[in-house]
Amino acid sequence: MNAPKQLLFCKEYIKDLNATQAAIRAGYSPKTARSQAQRLLTNVDIQNQIQIEMNNRAGRVERSADDVIRLLWKMATLDMADYITVAEGGEVQAIPFDQLPEGASKLISEIEEKSVIKESSDGKELTKYSNLKYKLPEKTKCIEMLGRHYGIFNDKLHTPDMVDLAAVLNKAQERLDAARAKS
């Protein structure tokens, strides 16, 4: 890596993996940032430096791709029975936060509590009802992300015997033109 601007591009690129924005933040012209970024990403020295920067970041945060996969797996397979209980009469209630199994609270992204105080009909007694609600990860999204990681879902059609459709159509047109010429 010979230019400070290129090194800065590498450091900026690993922040969000957006090459155009990394080029702009590194000081390249916004007008040419996209083409500069494409050029930089094809440079072997740049690619090597980006890998070094990613490895350094992984060391700093002490996390790896395996950690991400493990977390996605926990989110995709979380058990609702860890978060709710069914009271007599069929009322579903969230288990209090401090009574969740170890590690279950790490998957909660939001907690909402609603309280209602009701007075008895004779006005002598107050009763407080609380409703606790946890927001948990969207399991379908986690499963989709895992499926993509493992190559289970593929948005592109790939076959070993991929046919060049343009070539087939050109040959068909040539045969049609030749047949017309003979008639």
Protein backbone atom coordinates (compact mmCIF):
# COMPACT_ATOMS: atom_id res chain seq x y z
CA MET A 1 0.00 0.00 0.00
CA ASN A 2 1.77 3.09 -1.17
CA ALA A 3 -0.71 5.95 -0.90
CA PRO A 4 -2.25 7.27 2.34
CA LYS A 5 -5.47 7.92 0.43
CA GLN A 6 -5.68 4.25 -0.58
CA LEU A 7 -5.07 3.12 3.00
CA LEU A 8 -7.78 5.49 4.19
CA PHE A 9 -10.12 4.05 1.54
CA CYS A 10 -9.51 0.55 2.98
CA LYS A 11 -10.20 1.72 6.53
CA GLU A 12 -13.37 3.52 5.42
CA TYR A 13 -14.55 0.62 3.27
CA ILE A 14 -14.73 -1.85 6.17
CA LYS A 15 -17.07 0.49 8.07
CA ASP A 16 -20.07 -0.21 5.86
CA LEU A 17 -18.73 -2.08 2.79
CA ASN A 18 -19.97 0.77 0.61
CA ALA A 19 -17.10 1.42 -1.79
CA THR A 20 -18.47 4.67 -3.25
CA GLN A 21 -19.02 6.22 0.16
CA ALA A 22 -15.63 4.96 1.35
CA ALA A 23 -13.99 6.68 -1.62
CA ILE A 24 -15.76 9.94 -0.81
CA ARG A 25 -14.80 9.72 2.88
CA ALA A 26 -11.21 8.97 1.84
CA GLY A 27 -11.10 12.21 -0.15
CA TYR A 28 -11.88 11.14 -3.71
CA SER A 29 -14.15 13.41 -5.73
CA PRO A 30 -17.86 12.62 -5.26
CA LYS A 31 -18.27 12.88 -9.05
CA THR A 32 -15.74 10.12 -9.73
CA ALA A 33 -16.04 8.20 -6.46
CA ARG A 34 -17.96 5.29 -7.95
CA SER A 35 -15.49 4.60 -10.74
CA GLN A 36 -12.53 5.21 -8.40
CA ALA A 37 -14.03 2.74 -5.92
CA GLN A 38 -14.48 0.09 -8.62
CA ARG A 39 -10.89 0.59 -9.73
CA LEU A 40 -9.58 0.42 -6.17
CA LEU A 41 -11.47 -2.77 -5.38
CA THR A 42 -9.86 -4.57 -8.33
CA ASN A 43 -6.37 -3.71 -7.07
CA VAL A 44 -4.76 -6.76 -5.39
CA ASP A 45 -2.89 -4.60 -2.87
CA ILE A 46 -6.15 -2.89 -1.90
CA GLN A 47 -7.91 -6.25 -1.56
CA ASN A 48 -5.11 -7.53 0.68
CA GLN A 49 -5.20 -4.38 2.82
CA ILE A 50 -8.99 -4.62 3.17
CA GLN A 51 -8.56 -8.20 4.41
CA ILE A 52 -5.92 -7.04 6.90
CA GLU A 53 -8.24 -4.28 8.11
CA MET A 54 -11.13 -6.74 8.49
CA ASN A 55 -8.95 -9.16 10.44
CA ASN A 56 -7.75 -6.31 12.67
CA ARG A 57 -11.34 -5.26 13.33
CA ALA A 58 -12.34 -8.83 14.13
CA GLY A 59 -9.48 -8.98 16.62
CA ARG A 60 -10.49 -5.68 18.23
CA VAL A 61 -14.10 -6.66 18.71
CA GLU A 62 -13.19 -10.27 19.39
CA ARG A 63 -16.00 -11.46 17.16
CA SER A 64 -16.03 -13.57 14.05
CA ALA A 65 -18.41 -14.65 11.34
CA ASP A 66 -19.01 -17.78 13.44
CA ASP A 67 -20.31 -15.57 16.25
CA VAL A 68 -22.79 -13.98 13.85
CA ILE A 69 -23.95 -17.39 12.63
CA ARG A 70 -24.36 -18.63 16.23
CA LEU A 71 -26.44 -15.57 17.12
CA LEU A 72 -28.61 -15.95 14.01
CA TRP A 73 -29.13 -19.60 14.94
CA LYS A 74 -30.23 -18.63 18.48
CA MET A 75 -32.65 -16.08 17.05
CA ALA A 76 -34.01 -18.48 14.43
CA THR A 77 -34.59 -21.24 16.98
CA LEU A 78 -35.70 -19.26 20.02
CA ASP A 79 -38.43 -20.97 21.98
CA MET A 80 -41.46 -18.84 22.85
CA ALA A 81 -41.96 -21.03 25.94
CA ASP A 82 -38.90 -19.26 27.39
CA TYR A 83 -40.75 -15.92 27.20
CA ILE A 84 -44.39 -16.64 27.99
CA THR A 85 -46.59 -18.54 30.37
CA VAL A 86 -50.25 -19.40 30.04
CA ALA A 87 -52.25 -18.55 33.14
CA GLU A 88 -55.42 -20.25 34.29
CA GLY A 89 -58.20 -19.30 31.93
CA GLY A 90 -55.82 -19.24 28.95
CA GLU A 91 -54.38 -15.74 29.41
CA VAL A 92 -50.93 -15.47 27.87
CA GLN A 93 -48.44 -13.53 29.97
CA ALA A 94 -44.81 -12.62 29.43
CA ILE A 95 -42.42 -14.13 31.94
CA PRO A 96 -40.85 -11.36 34.03
CA PHE A 97 -37.46 -10.27 32.74
CA ASP A 98 -35.60 -11.46 35.84
CA GLN A 99 -37.13 -14.94 35.52
CA LEU A 100 -36.08 -15.61 31.92
CA PRO A 101 -33.65 -18.47 31.28
CA GLU A 102 -29.98 -17.50 31.07
CA GLY A 103 -29.18 -15.80 27.78
CA ALA A 104 -32.82 -15.37 26.70
CA SER A 105 -32.82 -11.67 27.53
CA LYS A 106 -30.01 -11.06 25.00
CA LEU A 107 -32.47 -11.71 22.18
CA ILE A 108 -35.01 -9.11 23.33
CA SER A 109 -34.82 -5.87 21.37
CA GLU A 110 -37.65 -4.00 23.13
CA ILE A 111 -39.78 -4.27 26.24
CA GLU A 112 -43.17 -2.63 26.69
CA GLU A 113 -45.14 -2.60 29.91
CA LYS A 114 -48.71 -1.43 30.31
CA SER A 115 -50.25 -1.12 33.74
CA VAL A 116 -53.90 -0.66 34.65
CA ILE A 117 -55.20 0.00 38.14
CA LYS A 118 -58.79 -1.02 38.77
CA GLU A 119 -60.91 -0.13 41.75
CA SER A 120 -63.25 -2.73 43.23
CA SER A 121 -66.99 -2.13 42.90
CA ASP A 122 -67.25 -1.14 46.55
CA GLY A 123 -64.32 1.29 46.18
CA LYS A 124 -62.31 -0.27 48.99
CA GLU A 125 -59.65 -2.14 47.03
CA LEU A 126 -57.28 -1.26 44.20
CA THR A 127 -55.86 -3.94 41.93
CA LYS A 128 -52.96 -3.39 39.58
CA TYR A 129 -52.81 -5.35 36.34
CA SER A 130 -49.58 -5.33 34.35
CA ASN A 131 -49.07 -6.46 30.82
CA LEU A 132 -45.48 -7.05 29.74
CA LYS A 133 -44.60 -7.39 26.07
CA TYR A 134 -41.25 -8.43 24.57
CA LYS A 135 -40.17 -7.71 21.02
CA LEU A 136 -38.16 -10.64 19.69
CA PRO A 137 -36.27 -11.16 16.42
CA GLU A 138 -38.21 -12.02 13.30
CA LYS A 139 -37.48 -15.74 13.01
CA THR A 140 -38.26 -15.92 9.30
CA LYS A 141 -35.66 -13.26 8.51
CA CYS A 142 -33.04 -15.06 10.61
CA ILE A 143 -33.78 -18.36 8.87
CA GLU A 144 -33.56 -16.65 5.48
CA MET A 145 -30.18 -15.13 6.37
CA LEU A 146 -28.87 -18.51 7.53
CA GLY A 147 -30.20 -20.16 4.38
CA ARG A 148 -28.41 -17.62 2.21
CA HIS A 149 -25.19 -18.09 4.19
CA TYR A 150 -25.33 -21.85 3.65
CA GLY A 151 -26.32 -21.47 -0.02
CA ILE A 152 -29.70 -23.12 0.47
CA PHE A 153 -31.57 -20.26 -1.19
CA ASN A 154 -30.35 -19.12 -4.57
CA ASP A 155 -31.90 -16.17 -6.38
CA LYS A 156 -30.01 -16.83 -9.59
CA LEU A 157 -30.50 -19.65 -12.02
CA HIS A 158 -27.29 -21.61 -12.45
CA THR A 159 -27.08 -24.85 -14.35
CA PRO A 160 -23.95 -26.72 -15.40
CA ASP A 161 -25.13 -26.76 -19.00
CA MET A 162 -26.09 -23.07 -19.20
CA VAL A 163 -27.18 -22.32 -22.73
CA ASP A 164 -26.18 -19.11 -24.49
CA LEU A 165 -29.69 -18.06 -25.44
CA ALA A 166 -28.50 -15.27 -27.74
CA ALA A 167 -26.38 -17.75 -29.74
CA VAL A 168 -29.30 -20.20 -30.03
CA LEU A 169 -31.62 -17.42 -31.22
CA ASN A 170 -29.03 -16.15 -33.74
CA LYS A 171 -28.59 -19.64 -35.19
CA ALA A 172 -32.36 -20.08 -35.41
CA GLN A 173 -32.65 -16.74 -37.20
CA GLU A 174 -29.88 -17.76 -39.63
CA ARG A 175 -31.70 -21.03 -40.43
CA LEU A 176 -34.96 -19.12 -40.91
CA ASP A 177 -33.25 -16.59 -43.21
CA ALA A 178 -31.60 -19.42 -45.19
CA ALA A 179 -34.94 -21.24 -45.56
CA ARG A 180 -36.60 -18.03 -46.78
CA ALA A 181 -33.79 -17.42 -49.25
CA LYS A 182 -34.33 -20.87 -50.78
CA SER A 183 -38.06 -20.29 -51.23
